[in-house]
Full PDB file with SEQRES, HELIX, SHEET, SSBOND, CRYST1, ORIGX, SCALE, CONECT and MASTER records, all heavy atoms in Angstrom:
SEQRES   1 A   39  ILE ASP ALA ASP LEU PHE ARG LEU LYS GLY LYS MET GLY          
SEQRES   2 A   39  MET THR ARG GLU ILE PRO ASP ASN PHE ALA HIS LYS ILE          
SEQRES   3 A   39  ILE VAL SER GLY LEU MET SER ILE ILE LYS VAL TRP LEU          
HELIX    1 AA1 ASP A    2  LYS A    9  1                                   8    
HELIX    2 AA2 ASP A   20  TRP A   38  1                                  19    
CRYST1    1.000    1.000    1.000  90.00  90.00  90.00 P 1           1          
ORIGX1      1.000000  0.000000  0.000000        0.00000                         
ORIGX2      0.000000  1.000000  0.000000        0.00000                         
ORIGX3      0.000000  0.000000  1.000000        0.00000                         
SCALE1      1.000000  0.000000  0.000000        0.00000                         
SCALE2      0.000000  1.000000  0.000000        0.00000                         
SCALE3      0.000000  0.000000  1.000000        0.00000                         
ATOM      1  N   ILE A   1      17.735   1.083  -7.293  1.00  0.00           N  
ATOM      2  CA  ILE A   1      16.794   1.676  -6.372  1.00  0.00           C  
ATOM      3  C   ILE A   1      16.661   0.840  -5.098  1.00  0.00           C  
ATOM      4  O   ILE A   1      16.697   1.362  -3.990  1.00  0.00           O  
ATOM      5  CB  ILE A   1      15.402   1.826  -7.045  1.00  0.00           C  
ATOM      6  CG1 ILE A   1      15.439   2.979  -8.071  1.00  0.00           C  
ATOM      7  CG2 ILE A   1      14.312   2.128  -5.999  1.00  0.00           C  
ATOM      8  CD1 ILE A   1      14.214   3.067  -8.940  1.00  0.00           C  
ATOM      9  N   ASP A   2      16.545  -0.478  -5.257  1.00  0.00           N  
ATOM     10  CA  ASP A   2      16.431  -1.356  -4.098  1.00  0.00           C  
ATOM     11  C   ASP A   2      17.673  -1.277  -3.214  1.00  0.00           C  
ATOM     12  O   ASP A   2      17.566  -1.252  -1.977  1.00  0.00           O  
ATOM     13  CB  ASP A   2      16.238  -2.805  -4.559  1.00  0.00           C  
ATOM     14  CG  ASP A   2      14.783  -3.089  -4.950  1.00  0.00           C  
ATOM     15  OD1 ASP A   2      13.902  -2.309  -4.566  1.00  0.00           O  
ATOM     16  OD2 ASP A   2      14.559  -4.104  -5.630  1.00  0.00           O  
ATOM     17  N   ALA A   3      18.852  -1.216  -3.823  1.00  0.00           N  
ATOM     18  CA  ALA A   3      20.092  -1.148  -3.052  1.00  0.00           C  
ATOM     19  C   ALA A   3      20.156   0.146  -2.220  1.00  0.00           C  
ATOM     20  O   ALA A   3      20.532   0.130  -1.057  1.00  0.00           O  
ATOM     21  CB  ALA A   3      21.286  -1.254  -3.970  1.00  0.00           C  
ATOM     22  N   ASP A   4      19.742   1.256  -2.842  1.00  0.00           N  
ATOM     23  CA  ASP A   4      19.765   2.532  -2.154  1.00  0.00           C  
ATOM     24  C   ASP A   4      18.678   2.622  -1.081  1.00  0.00           C  
ATOM     25  O   ASP A   4      18.856   3.251  -0.037  1.00  0.00           O  
ATOM     26  CB  ASP A   4      19.676   3.696  -3.131  1.00  0.00           C  
ATOM     27  CG  ASP A   4      20.976   3.992  -3.818  1.00  0.00           C  
ATOM     28  OD1 ASP A   4      22.014   4.105  -3.137  1.00  0.00           O  
ATOM     29  OD2 ASP A   4      20.993   4.127  -5.032  1.00  0.00           O  
ATOM     30  N   LEU A   5      17.510   2.021  -1.363  1.00  0.00           N  
ATOM     31  CA  LEU A   5      16.466   1.970  -0.329  1.00  0.00           C  
ATOM     32  C   LEU A   5      16.938   1.195   0.877  1.00  0.00           C  
ATOM     33  O   LEU A   5      16.670   1.569   2.021  1.00  0.00           O  
ATOM     34  CB  LEU A   5      15.203   1.311  -0.897  1.00  0.00           C  
ATOM     35  CG  LEU A   5      14.264   2.197  -1.707  1.00  0.00           C  
ATOM     36  CD1 LEU A   5      13.129   1.374  -2.287  1.00  0.00           C  
ATOM     37  CD2 LEU A   5      13.704   3.325  -0.862  1.00  0.00           C  
ATOM     38  N   PHE A   6      17.668   0.119   0.666  1.00  0.00           N  
ATOM     39  CA  PHE A   6      18.184  -0.677   1.781  1.00  0.00           C  
ATOM     40  C   PHE A   6      19.144   0.148   2.621  1.00  0.00           C  
ATOM     41  O   PHE A   6      19.147   0.090   3.862  1.00  0.00           O  
ATOM     42  CB  PHE A   6      18.875  -1.942   1.243  1.00  0.00           C  
ATOM     43  CG  PHE A   6      19.338  -2.870   2.348  1.00  0.00           C  
ATOM     44  CD1 PHE A   6      18.436  -3.719   2.963  1.00  0.00           C  
ATOM     45  CD2 PHE A   6      20.656  -2.860   2.776  1.00  0.00           C  
ATOM     46  CE1 PHE A   6      18.839  -4.580   3.982  1.00  0.00           C  
ATOM     47  CE2 PHE A   6      21.079  -3.711   3.797  1.00  0.00           C  
ATOM     48  CZ  PHE A   6      20.157  -4.578   4.379  1.00  0.00           C  
ATOM     49  N   ARG A   7      19.989   0.940   1.951  1.00  0.00           N  
ATOM     50  CA  ARG A   7      20.914   1.788   2.694  1.00  0.00           C  
ATOM     51  C   ARG A   7      20.174   2.857   3.484  1.00  0.00           C  
ATOM     52  O   ARG A   7      20.572   3.207   4.603  1.00  0.00           O  
ATOM     53  CB  ARG A   7      21.890   2.455   1.723  1.00  0.00           C  
ATOM     54  CG  ARG A   7      23.017   1.556   1.243  1.00  0.00           C  
ATOM     55  CD  ARG A   7      24.202   2.343   0.686  1.00  0.00           C  
ATOM     56  NE  ARG A   7      23.861   3.020  -0.558  1.00  0.00           N  
ATOM     57  CZ  ARG A   7      24.035   2.493  -1.761  1.00  0.00           C  
ATOM     58  NH1 ARG A   7      24.519   1.251  -1.866  1.00  0.00           N  
ATOM     59  NH2 ARG A   7      23.745   3.158  -2.836  1.00  0.00           N  
ATOM     60  N   LEU A   8      19.070   3.380   2.923  1.00  0.00           N  
ATOM     61  CA  LEU A   8      18.328   4.437   3.616  1.00  0.00           C  
ATOM     62  C   LEU A   8      17.422   3.885   4.726  1.00  0.00           C  
ATOM     63  O   LEU A   8      17.341   4.453   5.805  1.00  0.00           O  
ATOM     64  CB  LEU A   8      17.449   5.182   2.612  1.00  0.00           C  
ATOM     65  CG  LEU A   8      18.119   6.276   1.781  1.00  0.00           C  
ATOM     66  CD1 LEU A   8      17.153   6.797   0.723  1.00  0.00           C  
ATOM     67  CD2 LEU A   8      18.587   7.428   2.658  1.00  0.00           C  
ATOM     68  N   LYS A   9      16.732   2.770   4.455  1.00  0.00           N  
ATOM     69  CA  LYS A   9      15.708   2.256   5.364  1.00  0.00           C  
ATOM     70  C   LYS A   9      16.173   1.067   6.198  1.00  0.00           C  
ATOM     71  O   LYS A   9      15.519   0.707   7.184  1.00  0.00           O  
ATOM     72  CB  LYS A   9      14.472   1.849   4.541  1.00  0.00           C  
ATOM     73  CG  LYS A   9      13.833   2.993   3.797  1.00  0.00           C  
ATOM     74  CD  LYS A   9      12.791   2.510   2.778  1.00  0.00           C  
ATOM     75  CE  LYS A   9      11.641   1.780   3.400  1.00  0.00           C  
ATOM     76  NZ  LYS A   9      10.616   1.409   2.407  1.00  0.00           N  
ATOM     77  N   GLY A  10      17.271   0.464   5.777  1.00  0.00           N  
ATOM     78  CA  GLY A  10      17.761  -0.720   6.495  1.00  0.00           C  
ATOM     79  C   GLY A  10      16.987  -1.983   6.135  1.00  0.00           C  
ATOM     80  O   GLY A  10      17.156  -3.018   6.784  1.00  0.00           O  
ATOM     81  N   LYS A  11      16.130  -1.898   5.119  1.00  0.00           N  
ATOM     82  CA  LYS A  11      15.378  -3.072   4.677  1.00  0.00           C  
ATOM     83  C   LYS A  11      14.930  -2.848   3.239  1.00  0.00           C  
ATOM     84  O   LYS A  11      14.901  -1.732   2.741  1.00  0.00           O  
ATOM     85  CB  LYS A  11      14.144  -3.289   5.567  1.00  0.00           C  
ATOM     86  CG  LYS A  11      13.169  -2.117   5.572  1.00  0.00           C  
ATOM     87  CD  LYS A  11      11.980  -2.412   6.456  1.00  0.00           C  
ATOM     88  CE  LYS A  11      10.975  -1.233   6.404  1.00  0.00           C  
ATOM     89  NZ  LYS A  11       9.796  -1.504   7.226  1.00  0.00           N  
ATOM     90  N   MET A  12      14.584  -3.959   2.597  1.00  0.00           N  
ATOM     91  CA  MET A  12      14.079  -3.874   1.237  1.00  0.00           C  
ATOM     92  C   MET A  12      12.590  -3.501   1.277  1.00  0.00           C  
ATOM     93  O   MET A  12      11.949  -3.619   2.293  1.00  0.00           O  
ATOM     94  CB  MET A  12      14.281  -5.220   0.501  1.00  0.00           C  
ATOM     95  CG  MET A  12      15.711  -5.712   0.496  1.00  0.00           C  
ATOM     96  SD  MET A  12      16.809  -4.696  -0.517  1.00  0.00           S  
ATOM     97  CE  MET A  12      16.243  -5.169  -2.162  1.00  0.00           C  
ATOM     98  N   GLY A  13      12.093  -3.105   0.158  1.00  0.00           N  
ATOM     99  CA  GLY A  13      10.649  -2.845   0.088  1.00  0.00           C  
ATOM    100  C   GLY A  13      10.318  -1.375  -0.045  1.00  0.00           C  
ATOM    101  O   GLY A  13      11.028  -0.506   0.492  1.00  0.00           O  
ATOM    102  N   MET A  14       9.191  -1.114  -0.738  1.00  0.00           N  
ATOM    103  CA  MET A  14       8.756   0.261  -0.949  1.00  0.00           C  
ATOM    104  C   MET A  14       7.534   0.543  -0.059  1.00  0.00           C  
ATOM    105  O   MET A  14       7.470   0.018   1.033  1.00  0.00           O  
ATOM    106  CB  MET A  14       8.479   0.450  -2.437  1.00  0.00           C  
ATOM    107  CG  MET A  14       9.682   0.051  -3.312  1.00  0.00           C  
ATOM    108  SD  MET A  14       9.468   0.293  -5.076  1.00  0.00           S  
ATOM    109  CE  MET A  14      10.107   1.955  -5.215  1.00  0.00           C  
ATOM    110  N   THR A  15       6.619   1.347  -0.534  1.00  0.00           N  
ATOM    111  CA  THR A  15       5.443   1.672   0.258  1.00  0.00           C  
ATOM    112  C   THR A  15       4.637   0.429   0.609  1.00  0.00           C  
ATOM    113  O   THR A  15       4.605  -0.539  -0.145  1.00  0.00           O  
ATOM    114  CB  THR A  15       4.539   2.657  -0.500  1.00  0.00           C  
ATOM    115  OG1 THR A  15       3.353   2.926   0.285  1.00  0.00           O  
ATOM    116  CG2 THR A  15       4.129   2.106  -1.862  1.00  0.00           C  
ATOM    117  N   ARG A  16       3.953   0.492   1.787  1.00  0.00           N  
ATOM    118  CA  ARG A  16       3.099  -0.646   2.205  1.00  0.00           C  
ATOM    119  C   ARG A  16       1.733  -0.583   1.559  1.00  0.00           C  
ATOM    120  O   ARG A  16       0.942  -1.508   1.654  1.00  0.00           O  
ATOM    121  CB  ARG A  16       2.954  -0.630   3.722  1.00  0.00           C  
ATOM    122  CG  ARG A  16       4.226  -0.921   4.492  1.00  0.00           C  
ATOM    123  CD  ARG A  16       3.962  -1.088   5.972  1.00  0.00           C  
ATOM    124  NE  ARG A  16       3.448   0.147   6.566  1.00  0.00           N  
ATOM    125  CZ  ARG A  16       4.218   1.069   7.123  1.00  0.00           C  
ATOM    126  NH1 ARG A  16       5.546   0.887   7.119  1.00  0.00           N  
ATOM    127  NH2 ARG A  16       3.704   2.157   7.668  1.00  0.00           N  
ATOM    128  N   GLU A  17       1.432   0.525   0.835  1.00  0.00           N  
ATOM    129  CA  GLU A  17       0.088   0.736   0.317  1.00  0.00           C  
ATOM    130  C   GLU A  17      -0.202  -0.137  -0.908  1.00  0.00           C  
ATOM    131  O   GLU A  17      -1.356  -0.483  -1.155  1.00  0.00           O  
ATOM    132  CB  GLU A  17      -0.091   2.201  -0.074  1.00  0.00           C  
ATOM    133  CG  GLU A  17       0.046   3.169   1.107  1.00  0.00           C  
ATOM    134  CD  GLU A  17      -1.004   2.924   2.183  1.00  0.00           C  
ATOM    135  OE1 GLU A  17      -2.135   2.566   1.824  1.00  0.00           O  
ATOM    136  OE2 GLU A  17      -0.663   3.075   3.380  1.00  0.00           O  
ATOM    137  N   ILE A  18       0.822  -0.447  -1.712  1.00  0.00           N  
ATOM    138  CA  ILE A  18       0.631  -1.328  -2.872  1.00  0.00           C  
ATOM    139  C   ILE A  18       1.799  -2.294  -2.957  1.00  0.00           C  
ATOM    140  O   ILE A  18       2.853  -2.033  -2.394  1.00  0.00           O  
ATOM    141  CB  ILE A  18       0.526  -0.501  -4.200  1.00  0.00           C  
ATOM    142  CG1 ILE A  18       1.821   0.284  -4.463  1.00  0.00           C  
ATOM    143  CG2 ILE A  18      -0.689   0.422  -4.182  1.00  0.00           C  
ATOM    144  CD1 ILE A  18       1.808   0.986  -5.826  1.00  0.00           C  
ATOM    145  N   PRO A  19       1.612  -3.428  -3.636  1.00  0.00           N  
ATOM    146  CA  PRO A  19       2.727  -4.394  -3.763  1.00  0.00           C  
ATOM    147  C   PRO A  19       3.948  -3.781  -4.425  1.00  0.00           C  
ATOM    148  O   PRO A  19       3.841  -2.907  -5.276  1.00  0.00           O  
ATOM    149  CB  PRO A  19       2.110  -5.516  -4.624  1.00  0.00           C  
ATOM    150  CG  PRO A  19       0.642  -5.400  -4.411  1.00  0.00           C  
ATOM    151  CD  PRO A  19       0.364  -3.921  -4.237  1.00  0.00           C  
ATOM    152  N   ASP A  20       5.117  -4.293  -4.037  1.00  0.00           N  
ATOM    153  CA  ASP A  20       6.379  -3.751  -4.538  1.00  0.00           C  
ATOM    154  C   ASP A  20       6.485  -3.792  -6.051  1.00  0.00           C  
ATOM    155  O   ASP A  20       7.040  -2.876  -6.659  1.00  0.00           O  
ATOM    156  CB  ASP A  20       7.554  -4.535  -3.919  1.00  0.00           C  
ATOM    157  CG  ASP A  20       7.950  -4.010  -2.560  1.00  0.00           C  
ATOM    158  OD1 ASP A  20       7.300  -3.062  -2.083  1.00  0.00           O  
ATOM    159  OD2 ASP A  20       8.892  -4.556  -1.975  1.00  0.00           O  
ATOM    160  N   ASN A  21       6.011  -4.884  -6.674  1.00  0.00           N  
ATOM    161  CA  ASN A  21       6.172  -5.007  -8.117  1.00  0.00           C  
ATOM    162  C   ASN A  21       5.416  -3.900  -8.868  1.00  0.00           C  
ATOM    163  O   ASN A  21       5.888  -3.388  -9.881  1.00  0.00           O  
ATOM    164  CB  ASN A  21       5.727  -6.381  -8.610  1.00  0.00           C  
ATOM    165  CG  ASN A  21       4.284  -6.697  -8.289  1.00  0.00           C  
ATOM    166  OD1 ASN A  21       3.795  -6.328  -7.226  1.00  0.00           O  
ATOM    167  ND2 ASN A  21       3.626  -7.457  -9.145  1.00  0.00           N  
ATOM    168  N   PHE A  22       4.267  -3.448  -8.308  1.00  0.00           N  
ATOM    169  CA  PHE A  22       3.547  -2.350  -8.923  1.00  0.00           C  
ATOM    170  C   PHE A  22       4.261  -1.013  -8.680  1.00  0.00           C  
ATOM    171  O   PHE A  22       4.339  -0.172  -9.571  1.00  0.00           O  
ATOM    172  CB  PHE A  22       2.108  -2.296  -8.374  1.00  0.00           C  
ATOM    173  CG  PHE A  22       1.217  -3.400  -8.866  1.00  0.00           C  
ATOM    174  CD1 PHE A  22       1.088  -4.560  -8.119  1.00  0.00           C  
ATOM    175  CD2 PHE A  22       0.546  -3.290 -10.065  1.00  0.00           C  
ATOM    176  CE1 PHE A  22       0.274  -5.587  -8.571  1.00  0.00           C  
ATOM    177  CE2 PHE A  22      -0.273  -4.316 -10.505  1.00  0.00           C  
ATOM    178  CZ  PHE A  22      -0.403  -5.458  -9.770  1.00  0.00           C  
ATOM    179  N   ALA A  23       4.746  -0.841  -7.439  1.00  0.00           N  
ATOM    180  CA  ALA A  23       5.441   0.402  -7.113  1.00  0.00           C  
ATOM    181  C   ALA A  23       6.709   0.567  -7.968  1.00  0.00           C  
ATOM    182  O   ALA A  23       6.996   1.641  -8.477  1.00  0.00           O  
ATOM    183  CB  ALA A  23       5.810   0.424  -5.630  1.00  0.00           C  
ATOM    184  N   HIS A  24       7.446  -0.521  -8.106  1.00  0.00           N  
ATOM    185  CA  HIS A  24       8.639  -0.495  -8.963  1.00  0.00           C  
ATOM    186  C   HIS A  24       8.289  -0.064 -10.383  1.00  0.00           C  
ATOM    187  O   HIS A  24       8.941   0.801 -10.963  1.00  0.00           O  
ATOM    188  CB  HIS A  24       9.285  -1.910  -9.024  1.00  0.00           C  
ATOM    189  CG  HIS A  24      10.249  -2.194  -7.921  1.00  0.00           C  
ATOM    190  ND1 HIS A  24      10.118  -3.257  -7.073  1.00  0.00           N  
ATOM    191  CD2 HIS A  24      11.378  -1.546  -7.540  1.00  0.00           C  
ATOM    192  CE1 HIS A  24      11.097  -3.287  -6.204  1.00  0.00           C  
ATOM    193  NE2 HIS A  24      11.897  -2.250  -6.440  1.00  0.00           N  
ATOM    194  N   LYS A  25       7.263  -0.712 -10.925  1.00  0.00           N  
ATOM    195  CA  LYS A  25       6.909  -0.462 -12.314  1.00  0.00           C  
ATOM    196  C   LYS A  25       6.450   0.976 -12.531  1.00  0.00           C  
ATOM    197  O   LYS A  25       6.790   1.615 -13.535  1.00  0.00           O  
ATOM    198  CB  LYS A  25       5.813  -1.436 -12.749  1.00  0.00           C  
ATOM    199  CG  LYS A  25       5.552  -1.442 -14.250  1.00  0.00           C  
ATOM    200  CD  LYS A  25       6.748  -1.979 -14.998  1.00  0.00           C  
ATOM    201  CE  LYS A  25       6.491  -2.070 -16.501  1.00  0.00           C  
ATOM    202  NZ  LYS A  25       7.663  -2.575 -17.250  1.00  0.00           N  
ATOM    203  N   ILE A  26       5.686   1.511 -11.577  1.00  0.00           N  
ATOM    204  CA  ILE A  26       5.196   2.877 -11.704  1.00  0.00           C  
ATOM    205  C   ILE A  26       6.357   3.865 -11.736  1.00  0.00           C  
ATOM    206  O   ILE A  26       6.414   4.778 -12.559  1.00  0.00           O  
ATOM    207  CB  ILE A  26       4.238   3.216 -10.547  1.00  0.00           C  
ATOM    208  CG1 ILE A  26       2.919   2.452 -10.702  1.00  0.00           C  
ATOM    209  CG2 ILE A  26       3.976   4.735 -10.476  1.00  0.00           C  
ATOM    210  CD1 ILE A  26       2.030   2.495  -9.482  1.00  0.00           C  
ATOM    211  N   ILE A  27       7.330   3.666 -10.849  1.00  0.00           N  
ATOM    212  CA  ILE A  27       8.471   4.600 -10.767  1.00  0.00           C  
ATOM    213  C   ILE A  27       9.361   4.486 -12.012  1.00  0.00           C  
ATOM    214  O   ILE A  27       9.670   5.470 -12.657  1.00  0.00           O  
ATOM    215  CB  ILE A  27       9.299   4.302  -9.488  1.00  0.00           C  
ATOM    216  CG1 ILE A  27       8.494   4.714  -8.259  1.00  0.00           C  
ATOM    217  CG2 ILE A  27      10.635   5.058  -9.543  1.00  0.00           C  
ATOM    218  CD1 ILE A  27       9.179   4.306  -6.943  1.00  0.00           C  
ATOM    219  N   VAL A  28       9.725   3.254 -12.354  1.00  0.00           N  
ATOM    220  CA  VAL A  28      10.701   3.045 -13.446  1.00  0.00           C  
ATOM    221  C   VAL A  28      10.085   3.324 -14.792  1.00  0.00           C  
ATOM    222  O   VAL A  28      10.709   3.963 -15.645  1.00  0.00           O  
ATOM    223  CB  VAL A  28      11.265   1.613 -13.358  1.00  0.00           C  
ATOM    224  CG1 VAL A  28      12.144   1.334 -14.569  1.00  0.00           C  
ATOM    225  CG2 VAL A  28      12.090   1.429 -12.090  1.00  0.00           C  
ATOM    226  N   SER A  29       8.867   2.872 -15.028  1.00  0.00           N  
ATOM    227  CA  SER A  29       8.246   3.100 -16.329  1.00  0.00           C  
ATOM    228  C   SER A  29       7.975   4.583 -16.561  1.00  0.00           C  
ATOM    229  O   SER A  29       8.008   5.072 -17.703  1.00  0.00           O  
ATOM    230  CB  SER A  29       6.949   2.297 -16.480  1.00  0.00           C  
ATOM    231  OG  SER A  29       5.975   2.705 -15.541  1.00  0.00           O  
ATOM    232  N   GLY A  30       7.721   5.322 -15.479  1.00  0.00           N  
ATOM    233  CA  GLY A  30       7.529   6.767 -15.599  1.00  0.00           C  
ATOM    234  C   GLY A  30       8.789   7.440 -16.104  1.00  0.00           C  
ATOM    235  O   GLY A  30       8.733   8.310 -16.996  1.00  0.00           O  
ATOM    236  N   LEU A  31       9.915   7.048 -15.570  1.00  0.00           N  
ATOM    237  CA  LEU A  31      11.201   7.599 -16.019  1.00  0.00           C  
ATOM    238  C   LEU A  31      11.459   7.240 -17.479  1.00  0.00           C  
ATOM    239  O   LEU A  31      11.838   8.093 -18.282  1.00  0.00           O  
ATOM    240  CB  LEU A  31      12.339   7.030 -15.155  1.00  0.00           C  
ATOM    241  CG  LEU A  31      12.415   7.490 -13.706  1.00  0.00           C  
ATOM    242  CD1 LEU A  31      13.412   6.644 -12.926  1.00  0.00           C  
ATOM    243  CD2 LEU A  31      12.803   8.957 -13.631  1.00  0.00           C  
ATOM    244  N   MET A  32      11.245   5.974 -17.811  1.00  0.00           N  
ATOM    245  CA  MET A  32      11.507   5.513 -19.191  1.00  0.00           C  
ATOM    246  C   MET A  32      10.574   6.191 -20.186  1.00  0.00           C  
ATOM    247  O   MET A  32      10.986   6.513 -21.307  1.00  0.00           O  
ATOM    248  CB  MET A  32      11.334   3.997 -19.264  1.00  0.00           C  
ATOM    249  CG  MET A  32      12.401   3.197 -18.521  1.00  0.00           C  
ATOM    250  SD  MET A  32      14.078   3.515 -19.148  1.00  0.00           S  
ATOM    251  CE  MET A  32      13.941   2.871 -20.821  1.00  0.00           C  
ATOM    252  N   SER A  33       9.332   6.433 -19.783  1.00  0.00           N  
ATOM    253  CA  SER A  33       8.378   7.061 -20.704  1.00  0.00           C  
ATOM    254  C   SER A  33       8.815   8.483 -21.070  1.00  0.00           C  
ATOM    255  O   SER A  33       8.701   8.872 -22.227  1.00  0.00           O  
ATOM    256  CB  SER A  33       6.980   7.089 -20.075  1.00  0.00           C  
ATOM    257  OG  SER A  33       6.473   5.783 -19.922  1.00  0.00           O  
ATOM    258  N   ILE A  34       9.277   9.237 -20.098  1.00  0.00           N  
ATOM    259  CA  ILE A  34       9.754  10.593 -20.375  1.00  0.00           C  
ATOM    260  C   ILE A  34      10.925  10.552 -21.351  1.00  0.00           C  
ATOM    261  O   ILE A  34      10.956  11.318 -22.316  1.00  0.00           O  
ATOM    262  CB  ILE A  34      10.152  11.290 -19.058  1.00  0.00           C  
ATOM    263  CG1 ILE A  34       8.905  11.564 -18.209  1.00  0.00           C  
ATOM    264  CG2 ILE A  34      10.876  12.634 -19.361  1.00  0.00           C  
ATOM    265  CD1 ILE A  34       9.223  12.016 -16.794  1.00  0.00           C  
ATOM    266  N   ILE A  35      11.862   9.677 -21.105  1.00  0.00           N  
ATOM    267  CA  ILE A  35      13.038   9.567 -21.969  1.00  0.00           C  
ATOM    268  C   ILE A  35      12.648   9.139 -23.389  1.00  0.00           C  
ATOM    269  O   ILE A  35      13.132   9.668 -24.398  1.00  0.00           O  
ATOM    270  CB  ILE A  35      14.059   8.596 -21.361  1.00  0.00           C  
ATOM    271  CG1 ILE A  35      14.679   9.226 -20.110  1.00  0.00           C  
ATOM    272  CG2 ILE A  35      15.161   8.265 -22.372  1.00  0.00           C  
ATOM    273  CD1 ILE A  35      15.520   8.284 -19.282  1.00  0.00           C  
ATOM    274  N   LYS A  36      11.722   8.180 -23.495  1.00  0.00           N  
ATOM    275  CA  LYS A  36      11.298   7.691 -24.800  1.00  0.00           C  
ATOM    276  C   LYS A  36      10.546   8.751 -25.593  1.00  0.00           C  
ATOM    277  O   LYS A  36      10.702   8.834 -26.832  1.00  0.00           O  
ATOM    278  CB  LYS A  36      10.469   6.435 -24.666  1.00  0.00           C  
ATOM    279  CG  LYS A  36      11.262   5.220 -24.246  1.00  0.00           C  
ATOM    280  CD  LYS A  36      10.413   4.001 -24.033  1.00  0.00           C  
ATOM    281  CE  LYS A  36       9.841   3.493 -25.338  1.00  0.00           C  
ATOM    282  NZ  LYS A  36       9.026   2.263 -25.140  1.00  0.00           N  
ATOM    283  N   VAL A  37       9.731   9.547 -24.938  1.00  0.00           N  
ATOM    284  CA  VAL A  37       9.042  10.652 -25.616  1.00  0.00           C  
ATOM    285  C   VAL A  37      10.063  11.625 -26.174  1.00  0.00           C  
ATOM    286  O   VAL A  37       9.980  12.090 -27.313  1.00  0.00           O  
ATOM    287  CB  VAL A  37       8.059  11.360 -24.673  1.00  0.00           C  
ATOM    288  CG1 VAL A  37       7.552  12.672 -25.295  1.00  0.00           C  
ATOM    289  CG2 VAL A  37       6.870  10.468 -24.379  1.00  0.00           C  
ATOM    290  N   TRP A  38      11.074  11.933 -25.354  1.00  0.00           N  
ATOM    291  CA  TRP A  38      12.162  12.855 -25.774  1.00  0.00           C  
ATOM    292  C   TRP A  38      12.911  12.294 -26.965  1.00  0.00           C  
ATOM    293  O   TRP A  38      13.166  13.006 -27.936  1.00  0.00           O  
ATOM    294  CB  TRP A  38      13.101  13.043 -24.580  1.00  0.00           C  
ATOM    295  CG  TRP A  38      14.149  14.099 -24.771  1.00  0.00           C  
ATOM    296  CD1 TRP A  38      13.970  15.343 -25.340  1.00  0.00           C  
ATOM    297  CD2 TRP A  38      15.514  14.022 -24.350  1.00  0.00           C  
ATOM    298  NE1 TRP A  38      15.174  16.055 -25.284  1.00  0.00           N  
ATOM    299  CE2 TRP A  38      16.111  15.261 -24.696  1.00  0.00           C  
ATOM    300  CE3 TRP A  38      16.278  13.048 -23.733  1.00  0.00           C  
ATOM    301  CZ2 TRP A  38      17.475  15.523 -24.433  1.00  0.00           C  
ATOM    302  CZ3 TRP A  38      17.595  13.304 -23.465  1.00  0.00           C  
ATOM    303  CH2 TRP A  38      18.181  14.537 -23.818  1.00  0.00           C  
ATOM    304  N   LEU A  39      13.220  11.005 -26.933  1.00  0.00           N  
ATOM    305  CA  LEU A  39      13.940  10.355 -28.028  1.00  0.00           C  
ATOM    306  C   LEU A  39      13.081  10.365 -29.293  1.00  0.00           C  
ATOM    307  O   LEU A  39      13.567  10.656 -30.391  1.00  0.00           O  
ATOM    308  CB  LEU A  39      14.283   8.925 -27.669  1.00  0.00           C  
ATOM    309  CG  LEU A  39      15.348   8.709 -26.573  1.00  0.00           C  
ATOM    310  CD1 LEU A  39      15.379   7.246 -26.144  1.00  0.00           C  
ATOM    311  CD2 LEU A  39      16.733   9.148 -27.039  1.00  0.00           C  
TER     312      LEU A  39                                                      
MASTER        0    0    0    2    0    0    0    6  311    1    0    3          
END                                                                             
């Protein structure tokens, strides 16, 4: 995700509204939760 954001935005980092570590966790854990429920 970070690598593709850099290609799109020209810089690292996600939204300015919350720290990156929280934004990362919200996005990634959401994906993992859906897959784990399915499994």
